[in-house]
Amino acid sequence: MKNKIGLVLLVLVTLSYSGFAKQQHQVSETKGLETITINPSKKTVLLDGRCGNDEWEAATKIDLPAGASIYLMYDEDYFYFCACGKAEDYTILDLYIAHGETNQLHKFHLSAQMGEHILTDGEWKPASGKWELKGYAGFWVPYSGLADPEKRIDPQFAKGTHRQMQISRKKFAGQTWKMMFGLGGIQQEGDGGRLLYPEKAVEDNTTTWGKFSFSK
């Protein structure tokens, strides 16, 4: 009888420790998220494909590999974002934001097209109709003509412009947002894959994303 009681107690202790360890791991993951303060904008922000204008001087800047960088700002109504590459880059953007109340994951894409998707049942599904922009706007990769105008083939797109977005702060809850950034079309050594920030971020795992706080 004593052996049975001892075995039961051992099982209960093991289960309790396992639950505690799991909880501690979750807390550790949450605390491990990098928190970056976003600076307020001091001037009217223009979505004109250039991060280097005066209005971006106050922005929080994060340098990435291969000569790329990202800029973050906000005002009372909007969060502003700019992704900057080199003169030979297309700078294609995927910006991911987790909704603080619904827990839904949103992805904003800017290439030659612009759109918003929400992760649903393991798939990124359109949040609205094509070019139906709800609470956001951006500067996408500009079309620059055809390589063969006579045959009307091979569309060309401008290099060297920067991807910019403004997103209504009412669209996502809270003063701190979980986000990750993916940049493509950046010329770099190696395999030429996307640049990610945070570096090891995974698009469907917010414990790997960064935390970004609106300063006061």
C-alpha atoms as a PDB file:
ATOM      1  CA  MET A   1       0.000   0.000   0.000  1.00  0.00           C
ATOM      2  CA  LYS A   2       2.813   2.386   0.940  1.00  0.00           C
ATOM      3  CA  ASN A   3       4.522   1.625  -2.373  1.00  0.00           C
ATOM      4  CA  LYS A   4       1.351   2.528  -4.288  1.00  0.00           C
ATOM      5  CA  ILE A   5       0.950   5.804  -2.375  1.00  0.00           C
ATOM      6  CA  GLY A   6       4.596   6.630  -2.987  1.00  0.00           C
ATOM      7  CA  LEU A   7       4.193   5.951  -6.718  1.00  0.00           C
ATOM      8  CA  VAL A   8       1.109   8.182  -6.927  1.00  0.00           C
ATOM      9  CA  LEU A   9       2.916  10.994  -5.122  1.00  0.00           C
ATOM     10  CA  LEU A  10       5.898  10.636  -7.472  1.00  0.00           C
ATOM     11  CA  VAL A  11       3.627  10.902 -10.511  1.00  0.00           C
ATOM     12  CA  LEU A  12       1.877  13.986  -9.100  1.00  0.00           C
ATOM     13  CA  VAL A  13       5.177  15.689  -8.306  1.00  0.00           C
ATOM     14  CA  THR A  14       6.493  14.907 -11.784  1.00  0.00           C
ATOM     15  CA  LEU A  15       3.373  16.294 -13.462  1.00  0.00           C
ATOM     16  CA  SER A  16       3.465  19.431 -11.289  1.00  0.00           C
ATOM     17  CA  TYR A  17       7.117  20.029 -12.111  1.00  0.00           C
ATOM     18  CA  SER A  18       6.472  19.440 -15.821  1.00  0.00           C
ATOM     19  CA  GLY A  19       3.638  21.996 -15.794  1.00  0.00           C
ATOM     20  CA  PHE A  20       5.765  24.478 -13.870  1.00  0.00           C
ATOM     21  CA  ALA A  21       8.701  24.005 -16.260  1.00  0.00           C
ATOM     22  CA  LYS A  22       6.434  24.524 -19.265  1.00  0.00           C
ATOM     23  CA  GLN A  23       5.002  27.691 -17.699  1.00  0.00           C
ATOM     24  CA  GLN A  24       8.507  28.976 -16.933  1.00  0.00           C
ATOM     25  CA  HIS A  25       9.568  28.254 -20.531  1.00  0.00           C
ATOM     26  CA  GLN A  26       6.606  30.251 -21.855  1.00  0.00           C
ATOM     27  CA  VAL A  27       7.417  33.156 -19.544  1.00  0.00           C
ATOM     28  CA  SER A  28      11.050  32.972 -20.610  1.00  0.00           C
ATOM     29  CA  GLU A  29      10.064  33.115 -24.271  1.00  0.00           C
ATOM     30  CA  THR A  30       7.849  36.147 -23.634  1.00  0.00           C
ATOM     31  CA  LYS A  31      10.524  37.970 -21.649  1.00  0.00           C
ATOM     32  CA  GLY A  32      13.065  37.091 -24.324  1.00  0.00           C
ATOM     33  CA  LEU A  33      11.312  39.201 -26.960  1.00  0.00           C
ATOM     34  CA  GLU A  34      13.370  42.230 -27.872  1.00  0.00           C
ATOM     35  CA  THR A  35      11.545  45.472 -27.086  1.00  0.00           C
ATOM     36  CA  ILE A  36      12.328  48.469 -29.264  1.00  0.00           C
ATOM     37  CA  THR A  37      10.965  51.956 -28.671  1.00  0.00           C
ATOM     38  CA  ILE A  38       9.446  53.673 -31.701  1.00  0.00           C
ATOM     39  CA  ASN A  39      10.106  57.402 -31.901  1.00  0.00           C
ATOM     40  CA  PRO A  40       7.312  59.919 -32.601  1.00  0.00           C
ATOM     41  CA  SER A  41       7.319  61.742 -35.927  1.00  0.00           C
ATOM     42  CA  LYS A  42       8.077  65.465 -35.898  1.00  0.00           C
ATOM     43  CA  LYS A  43       6.953  66.318 -39.425  1.00  0.00           C
ATOM     44  CA  THR A  44       4.270  65.303 -41.898  1.00  0.00           C
ATOM     45  CA  VAL A  45       5.219  61.926 -43.394  1.00  0.00           C
ATOM     46  CA  LEU A  46       5.051  61.501 -47.169  1.00  0.00           C
ATOM     47  CA  LEU A  47       4.794  58.083 -48.830  1.00  0.00           C
ATOM     48  CA  ASP A  48       7.054  58.994 -51.733  1.00  0.00           C
ATOM     49  CA  GLY A  49       9.474  56.060 -51.899  1.00  0.00           C
ATOM     50  CA  ARG A  50      12.331  57.813 -50.072  1.00  0.00           C
ATOM     51  CA  CYS A  51      13.397  57.120 -46.483  1.00  0.00           C
ATOM     52  CA  GLY A  52      16.086  59.783 -46.488  1.00  0.00           C
ATOM     53  CA  ASN A  53      13.861  62.858 -46.404  1.00  0.00           C
ATOM     54  CA  ASP A  54      13.823  65.206 -43.413  1.00  0.00           C
ATOM     55  CA  GLU A  55      10.645  63.744 -41.966  1.00  0.00           C
ATOM     56  CA  TRP A  56      12.422  60.411 -41.332  1.00  0.00           C
ATOM     57  CA  GLU A  57      15.289  61.949 -39.310  1.00  0.00           C
ATOM     58  CA  ALA A  58      13.433  61.372 -36.034  1.00  0.00           C
ATOM     59  CA  ALA A  59      12.618  57.729 -36.847  1.00  0.00           C
ATOM     60  CA  THR A  60      13.888  54.714 -34.941  1.00  0.00           C
ATOM     61  CA  LYS A  61      16.385  53.131 -37.352  1.00  0.00           C
ATOM     62  CA  ILE A  62      17.428  49.475 -37.442  1.00  0.00           C
ATOM     63  CA  ASP A  63      20.344  48.477 -39.666  1.00  0.00           C
ATOM     64  CA  LEU A  64      20.164  45.119 -41.457  1.00  0.00           C
ATOM     65  CA  PRO A  65      22.757  43.159 -43.472  1.00  0.00           C
ATOM     66  CA  ALA A  66      23.520  43.888 -47.160  1.00  0.00           C
ATOM     67  CA  GLY A  67      23.129  47.653 -46.758  1.00  0.00           C
ATOM     68  CA  ALA A  68      19.417  47.505 -45.886  1.00  0.00           C
ATOM     69  CA  SER A  69      17.676  49.283 -43.021  1.00  0.00           C
ATOM     70  CA  ILE A  70      14.222  49.897 -41.620  1.00  0.00           C
ATOM     71  CA  TYR A  71      12.737  53.060 -40.116  1.00  0.00           C
ATOM     72  CA  LEU A  72       9.842  53.266 -37.647  1.00  0.00           C
ATOM     73  CA  MET A  73       7.794  56.277 -36.498  1.00  0.00           C
ATOM     74  CA  TYR A  74       4.316  57.148 -35.321  1.00  0.00           C
ATOM     75  CA  ASP A  75       1.956  60.000 -34.633  1.00  0.00           C
ATOM     76  CA  GLU A  76      -1.432  60.158 -32.939  1.00  0.00           C
ATOM     77  CA  ASP A  77      -3.176  58.397 -35.820  1.00  0.00           C
ATOM     78  CA  TYR A  78      -0.663  56.242 -37.704  1.00  0.00           C
ATOM     79  CA  PHE A  79       2.329  53.924 -37.442  1.00  0.00           C
ATOM     80  CA  TYR A  80       4.829  54.668 -40.225  1.00  0.00           C
ATOM     81  CA  PHE A  81       7.335  52.210 -41.632  1.00  0.00           C
ATOM     82  CA  CYS A  82      10.018  52.487 -44.303  1.00  0.00           C
ATOM     83  CA  ALA A  83      12.275  49.724 -45.684  1.00  0.00           C
ATOM     84  CA  CYS A  84      15.398  50.995 -47.419  1.00  0.00           C
ATOM     85  CA  GLY A  85      17.661  49.014 -49.746  1.00  0.00           C
ATOM     86  CA  LYS A  86      20.481  49.893 -52.116  1.00  0.00           C
ATOM     87  CA  ALA A  87      20.254  51.567 -55.534  1.00  0.00           C
ATOM     88  CA  GLU A  88      20.192  48.152 -57.247  1.00  0.00           C
ATOM     89  CA  ASP A  89      17.551  46.639 -54.956  1.00  0.00           C
ATOM     90  CA  TYR A  90      13.800  46.228 -55.494  1.00  0.00           C
ATOM     91  CA  THR A  91      13.195  46.053 -51.707  1.00  0.00           C
ATOM     92  CA  ILE A  92      10.104  43.842 -51.456  1.00  0.00           C
ATOM     93  CA  LEU A  93       8.395  44.012 -48.059  1.00  0.00           C
ATOM     94  CA  ASP A  94       6.429  41.641 -45.862  1.00  0.00           C
ATOM     95  CA  LEU A  95       5.393  43.233 -42.567  1.00  0.00           C
ATOM     96  CA  TYR A  96       3.780  40.982 -39.934  1.00  0.00           C
ATOM     97  CA  ILE A  97       1.743  42.299 -36.992  1.00  0.00           C
ATOM     98  CA  ALA A  98      -0.043  40.340 -34.267  1.00  0.00           C
ATOM     99  CA  HIS A  99      -3.381  41.755 -33.119  1.00  0.00           C
ATOM    100  CA  GLY A 100      -3.211  42.198 -29.346  1.00  0.00           C
ATOM    101  CA  GLU A 101      -6.916  41.430 -28.770  1.00  0.00           C
ATOM    102  CA  THR A 102      -7.937  38.904 -31.437  1.00  0.00           C
ATOM    103  CA  ASN A 103      -4.507  37.183 -31.560  1.00  0.00           C
ATOM    104  CA  GLN A 104      -4.836  37.070 -35.338  1.00  0.00           C
ATOM    105  CA  LEU A 105      -1.632  37.386 -37.354  1.00  0.00           C
ATOM    106  CA  HIS A 106      -1.681  39.938 -40.185  1.00  0.00           C
ATOM    107  CA  LYS A 107       0.752  40.168 -43.105  1.00  0.00           C
ATOM    108  CA  PHE A 108       1.100  43.284 -45.249  1.00  0.00           C
ATOM    109  CA  HIS A 109       2.830  42.712 -48.597  1.00  0.00           C
ATOM    110  CA  LEU A 110       4.406  45.369 -50.804  1.00  0.00           C
ATOM    111  CA  SER A 111       5.959  44.457 -54.152  1.00  0.00           C
ATOM    112  CA  ALA A 112       4.429  45.423 -57.489  1.00  0.00           C
ATOM    113  CA  GLN A 113       1.180  44.697 -55.650  1.00  0.00           C
ATOM    114  CA  MET A 114      -0.075  45.610 -52.202  1.00  0.00           C
ATOM    115  CA  GLY A 115      -2.330  43.618 -49.928  1.00  0.00           C
ATOM    116  CA  GLU A 116      -3.162  42.345 -46.456  1.00  0.00           C
ATOM    117  CA  HIS A 117      -3.521  38.706 -45.433  1.00  0.00           C
ATOM    118  CA  ILE A 118      -4.579  37.021 -42.173  1.00  0.00           C
ATOM    119  CA  LEU A 119      -3.288  33.621 -41.050  1.00  0.00           C
ATOM    120  CA  THR A 120      -6.342  31.348 -41.041  1.00  0.00           C
ATOM    121  CA  ASP A 121      -6.204  27.565 -40.586  1.00  0.00           C
ATOM    122  CA  GLY A 122      -2.512  27.587 -41.362  1.00  0.00           C
ATOM    123  CA  GLU A 123      -2.839  29.628 -44.573  1.00  0.00           C
ATOM    124  CA  TRP A 124      -2.400  33.332 -45.355  1.00  0.00           C
ATOM    125  CA  LYS A 125      -5.780  34.370 -46.725  1.00  0.00           C
ATOM    126  CA  PRO A 126      -6.736  37.789 -48.164  1.00  0.00           C
ATOM    127  CA  ALA A 127      -8.237  40.124 -45.589  1.00  0.00           C
ATOM    128  CA  SER A 128     -10.128  42.066 -48.272  1.00  0.00           C
ATOM    129  CA  GLY A 129     -10.561  42.424 -52.018  1.00  0.00           C
ATOM    130  CA  LYS A 130      -7.699  43.246 -54.359  1.00  0.00           C
ATOM    131  CA  TRP A 131      -6.411  46.788 -53.737  1.00  0.00           C
ATOM    132  CA  GLU A 132      -9.071  47.272 -51.067  1.00  0.00           C
ATOM    133  CA  LEU A 133      -6.917  48.919 -48.410  1.00  0.00           C
ATOM    134  CA  LYS A 134      -8.529  48.966 -44.976  1.00  0.00           C
ATOM    135  CA  GLY A 135      -6.746  51.237 -42.521  1.00  0.00           C
ATOM    136  CA  TYR A 136      -3.411  51.319 -44.333  1.00  0.00           C
ATOM    137  CA  ALA A 137      -1.637  52.649 -47.414  1.00  0.00           C
ATOM    138  CA  GLY A 138       1.811  52.266 -48.933  1.00  0.00           C
ATOM    139  CA  PHE A 139       4.340  52.956 -51.671  1.00  0.00           C
ATOM    140  CA  TRP A 140       4.779  49.796 -53.768  1.00  0.00           C
ATOM    141  CA  VAL A 141       7.457  48.960 -56.384  1.00  0.00           C
ATOM    142  CA  PRO A 142       6.768  51.346 -59.310  1.00  0.00           C
ATOM    143  CA  TYR A 143       6.193  50.041 -62.833  1.00  0.00           C
ATOM    144  CA  SER A 144       8.782  51.524 -65.217  1.00  0.00           C
ATOM    145  CA  GLY A 145       7.727  50.337 -68.662  1.00  0.00           C
ATOM    146  CA  LEU A 146       8.288  47.359 -70.961  1.00  0.00           C
ATOM    147  CA  ALA A 147      11.589  45.874 -72.082  1.00  0.00           C
ATOM    148  CA  ASP A 148      10.012  45.307 -75.506  1.00  0.00           C
ATOM    149  CA  PRO A 149       7.277  47.933 -76.024  1.00  0.00           C
ATOM    150  CA  GLU A 150       6.494  46.780 -79.590  1.00  0.00           C
ATOM    151  CA  LYS A 151       5.632  43.250 -78.466  1.00  0.00           C
ATOM    152  CA  ARG A 152       4.160  44.499 -75.195  1.00  0.00           C
ATOM    153  CA  ILE A 153       6.167  42.014 -73.118  1.00  0.00           C
ATOM    154  CA  ASP A 154       8.586  41.926 -70.179  1.00  0.00           C
ATOM    155  CA  PRO A 155       7.324  44.542 -67.701  1.00  0.00           C
ATOM    156  CA  GLN A 156      10.084  46.358 -65.816  1.00  0.00           C
ATOM    157  CA  PHE A 157      10.017  47.725 -62.291  1.00  0.00           C
ATOM    158  CA  ALA A 158      12.025  50.524 -60.732  1.00  0.00           C
ATOM    159  CA  LYS A 159      15.014  49.732 -58.549  1.00  0.00           C
ATOM    160  CA  GLY A 160      16.252  51.876 -55.699  1.00  0.00           C
ATOM    161  CA  THR A 161      12.906  53.089 -54.338  1.00  0.00           C
ATOM    162  CA  HIS A 162      11.949  52.346 -50.750  1.00  0.00           C
ATOM    163  CA  ARG A 163       8.881  50.553 -49.428  1.00  0.00           C
ATOM    164  CA  GLN A 164       6.760  52.686 -47.146  1.00  0.00           C
ATOM    165  CA  MET A 165       3.568  52.068 -45.205  1.00  0.00           C
ATOM    166  CA  GLN A 166       1.254  53.882 -42.856  1.00  0.00           C
ATOM    167  CA  ILE A 167      -1.102  51.799 -40.725  1.00  0.00           C
ATOM    168  CA  SER A 168      -3.889  53.208 -38.589  1.00  0.00           C
ATOM    169  CA  ARG A 169      -3.120  52.702 -34.918  1.00  0.00           C
ATOM    170  CA  LYS A 170      -6.805  51.913 -34.392  1.00  0.00           C
ATOM    171  CA  LYS A 171      -6.334  48.806 -36.531  1.00  0.00           C
ATOM    172  CA  PHE A 172      -4.280  47.095 -33.795  1.00  0.00           C
ATOM    173  CA  ALA A 173      -4.738  47.304 -30.046  1.00  0.00           C
ATOM    174  CA  GLY A 174      -2.341  48.597 -27.413  1.00  0.00           C
ATOM    175  CA  GLN A 175       0.811  50.680 -27.079  1.00  0.00           C
ATOM    176  CA  THR A 176       3.096  47.726 -27.768  1.00  0.00           C
ATOM    177  CA  TRP A 177       2.878  45.647 -30.953  1.00  0.00           C
ATOM    178  CA  LYS A 178       4.506  42.322 -31.786  1.00  0.00           C
ATOM    179  CA  MET A 179       5.980  42.507 -35.294  1.00  0.00           C
ATOM    180  CA  MET A 180       8.432  40.902 -37.684  1.00  0.00           C
ATOM    181  CA  PHE A 181       9.811  42.154 -40.989  1.00  0.00           C
ATOM    182  CA  GLY A 182      10.866  40.333 -44.140  1.00  0.00           C
ATOM    183  CA  LEU A 183      12.753  42.039 -46.968  1.00  0.00           C
ATOM    184  CA  GLY A 184      13.266  40.464 -50.388  1.00  0.00           C
ATOM    185  CA  GLY A 185      14.794  41.745 -53.613  1.00  0.00           C
ATOM    186  CA  ILE A 186      17.977  42.770 -51.756  1.00  0.00           C
ATOM    187  CA  GLN A 187      21.252  42.028 -53.558  1.00  0.00           C
ATOM    188  CA  GLN A 188      23.562  40.239 -51.142  1.00  0.00           C
ATOM    189  CA  GLU A 189      26.268  37.629 -50.977  1.00  0.00           C
ATOM    190  CA  GLY A 190      25.305  34.004 -50.488  1.00  0.00           C
ATOM    191  CA  ASP A 191      21.927  32.549 -51.371  1.00  0.00           C
ATOM    192  CA  GLY A 192      20.180  35.895 -51.767  1.00  0.00           C
ATOM    193  CA  GLY A 193      17.339  34.880 -49.466  1.00  0.00           C
ATOM    194  CA  ARG A 194      15.112  37.222 -47.498  1.00  0.00           C
ATOM    195  CA  LEU A 195      16.405  39.418 -44.727  1.00  0.00           C
ATOM    196  CA  LEU A 196      14.439  38.936 -41.520  1.00  0.00           C
ATOM    197  CA  TYR A 197      14.087  41.046 -38.414  1.00  0.00           C
ATOM    198  CA  PRO A 198      14.388  39.669 -35.827  1.00  0.00           C
ATOM    199  CA  GLU A 199      16.991  37.524 -37.587  1.00  0.00           C
ATOM    200  CA  LYS A 200      15.472  34.174 -36.548  1.00  0.00           C
ATOM    201  CA  ALA A 201      11.821  35.217 -36.712  1.00  0.00           C
ATOM    202  CA  VAL A 202       9.254  32.714 -37.978  1.00  0.00           C
ATOM    203  CA  GLU A 203       6.133  34.101 -39.627  1.00  0.00           C
ATOM    204  CA  ASP A 204       3.646  31.942 -37.710  1.00  0.00           C
ATOM    205  CA  ASN A 205       5.382  31.992 -34.309  1.00  0.00           C
ATOM    206  CA  THR A 206       5.054  35.279 -32.434  1.00  0.00           C
ATOM    207  CA  THR A 207       7.443  34.130 -29.673  1.00  0.00           C
ATOM    208  CA  THR A 208      10.201  34.715 -32.246  1.00  0.00           C
ATOM    209  CA  TRP A 209       9.010  38.220 -33.190  1.00  0.00           C
ATOM    210  CA  GLY A 210      10.085  41.549 -31.749  1.00  0.00           C
ATOM    211  CA  LYS A 211       8.118  43.816 -29.418  1.00  0.00           C
ATOM    212  CA  PHE A 212       7.818  47.446 -30.473  1.00  0.00           C
ATOM    213  CA  SER A 213       6.592  50.113 -28.069  1.00  0.00           C
ATOM    214  CA  PHE A 214       5.210  53.537 -28.933  1.00  0.00           C
ATOM    215  CA  SER A 215       7.140  56.020 -26.792  1.00  0.00           C
ATOM    216  CA  LYS A 216       5.274  58.744 -24.907  1.00  0.00           C
END
